[in-house]
């Protein structure tokens, strides 16, 4: 059962790491070389520390981080467009009272 717990711990660490990297890259659309290097190393560790696929790890890390950054940028853009109108600008009176108030 120990490997199961270790695996869950690794998934939690990976999720936290990807989230941290997403937060760091959300302000721009391209991840830094340092962020790619860290993610490529995580991928290398996930593969069981087997050498020989360094370029593939780098390219995968770059793609993942670019997707996260673009998604975050687009999500923020949608959230800004869908931002609620401040309550002071909303007239919530029923239609009958709106007509009477203007007379």
Protein backbone atom coordinates (compact mmCIF):
# COMPACT_ATOMS: atom_id res chain seq x y z
CA UNK A 1 0.00 0.00 0.00
CA UNK A 2 2.96 2.33 0.42
CA UNK A 3 3.44 2.77 -3.35
CA UNK A 4 -0.20 3.88 -3.65
CA UNK A 5 0.35 6.64 -1.06
CA UNK A 6 3.60 7.65 -2.72
CA UNK A 7 1.82 7.87 -6.06
CA UNK A 8 -0.92 10.05 -4.59
CA UNK A 9 1.71 12.27 -3.03
CA UNK A 10 3.47 12.61 -6.37
CA UNK A 11 0.23 13.57 -8.10
CA UNK A 12 -0.47 16.21 -5.47
CA UNK A 13 3.05 17.59 -5.80
CA UNK A 14 2.73 17.63 -9.60
CA UNK A 15 -0.63 19.41 -9.44
CA UNK A 16 0.78 21.99 -7.05
CA UNK A 17 3.82 22.46 -9.25
CA UNK A 18 1.79 22.89 -12.44
CA UNK A 19 -0.54 25.34 -10.66
CA UNK A 20 2.43 27.35 -9.38
CA UNK A 21 3.88 27.47 -12.88
CA UNK A 22 0.50 28.46 -14.30
CA UNK A 23 0.30 31.32 -11.85
CA UNK A 24 3.80 32.45 -12.82
CA UNK A 25 3.10 32.35 -16.55
CA UNK A 26 -0.45 33.71 -16.47
CA UNK A 27 0.71 37.28 -16.93
CA UNK A 28 2.48 36.43 -20.19
CA UNK A 29 1.81 34.01 -23.00
CA UNK A 30 5.23 32.34 -23.15
CA UNK A 31 6.86 30.43 -20.27
CA UNK A 32 10.44 31.23 -19.34
CA UNK A 33 13.31 28.83 -19.99
CA UNK A 34 13.59 28.28 -16.22
CA UNK A 35 9.93 27.26 -15.97
CA UNK A 36 10.33 24.89 -18.92
CA UNK A 37 13.49 23.43 -17.40
CA UNK A 38 11.73 22.75 -14.08
CA UNK A 39 8.75 21.10 -15.79
CA UNK A 40 11.01 19.06 -18.08
CA UNK A 41 12.84 17.79 -14.99
CA UNK A 42 9.52 16.83 -13.39
CA UNK A 43 8.59 14.92 -16.56
CA UNK A 44 11.99 13.19 -16.45
CA UNK A 45 11.32 12.13 -12.85
CA UNK A 46 7.83 10.93 -13.76
CA UNK A 47 9.38 8.70 -16.44
CA UNK A 48 11.47 7.02 -13.76
CA UNK A 49 14.75 8.95 -14.12
CA UNK A 50 15.50 7.28 -17.45
CA UNK A 51 17.92 9.27 -19.63
CA UNK A 52 17.69 9.66 -23.38
CA UNK A 53 14.51 11.66 -23.92
CA UNK A 54 15.69 15.10 -22.79
CA UNK A 55 14.54 16.88 -25.96
CA UNK A 56 11.12 15.23 -25.83
CA UNK A 57 10.80 16.19 -22.15
CA UNK A 58 11.72 19.80 -22.95
CA UNK A 59 9.26 20.04 -25.85
CA UNK A 60 6.47 18.45 -23.82
CA UNK A 61 7.11 20.83 -20.92
CA UNK A 62 7.12 23.80 -23.29
CA UNK A 63 3.80 22.72 -24.87
CA UNK A 64 2.14 22.12 -21.51
CA UNK A 65 3.18 25.47 -20.09
CA UNK A 66 2.21 27.35 -23.24
CA UNK A 67 -1.24 25.75 -23.18
CA UNK A 68 -1.69 26.67 -19.52
CA UNK A 69 -0.58 30.25 -20.13
CA UNK A 70 -2.88 30.67 -23.14
CA UNK A 71 -5.82 29.12 -21.34
CA UNK A 72 -5.27 31.36 -18.31
CA UNK A 73 -4.98 34.45 -20.51
CA UNK A 74 -8.17 33.59 -22.37
CA UNK A 75 -9.98 32.71 -19.16
CA UNK A 76 -9.03 36.04 -17.61
CA UNK A 77 -10.23 37.82 -20.74
CA UNK A 78 -13.61 36.06 -20.55
CA UNK A 79 -13.91 36.82 -16.86
CA UNK A 80 -13.27 40.51 -17.49
CA UNK A 81 -15.98 40.61 -20.18
CA UNK A 82 -18.45 38.76 -17.99
CA UNK A 83 -17.75 40.87 -14.91
CA UNK A 84 -20.99 41.84 -13.19
CA UNK A 85 -22.24 45.40 -13.34
CA UNK A 86 -21.75 47.20 -10.03
CA UNK A 87 -24.93 47.12 -7.95
CA UNK A 88 -25.19 50.90 -7.94
CA UNK A 89 -25.88 50.78 -11.69
CA UNK A 90 -28.59 48.12 -11.54
CA UNK A 91 -32.22 49.23 -11.27
CA UNK A 92 -34.03 46.34 -9.56
CA UNK A 93 -37.43 48.02 -9.10
CA UNK A 94 -40.42 46.31 -10.73
CA UNK A 95 -41.52 47.73 -14.07
CA UNK A 96 -44.63 49.41 -12.61
CA UNK A 97 -42.67 51.46 -10.09
CA UNK A 98 -40.06 52.46 -12.66
CA UNK A 99 -42.78 54.10 -14.77
CA UNK A 100 -44.33 55.87 -11.78
CA UNK A 101 -41.00 57.13 -10.45
CA UNK A 102 -40.29 58.98 -13.68
CA UNK A 103 -43.62 60.90 -13.65
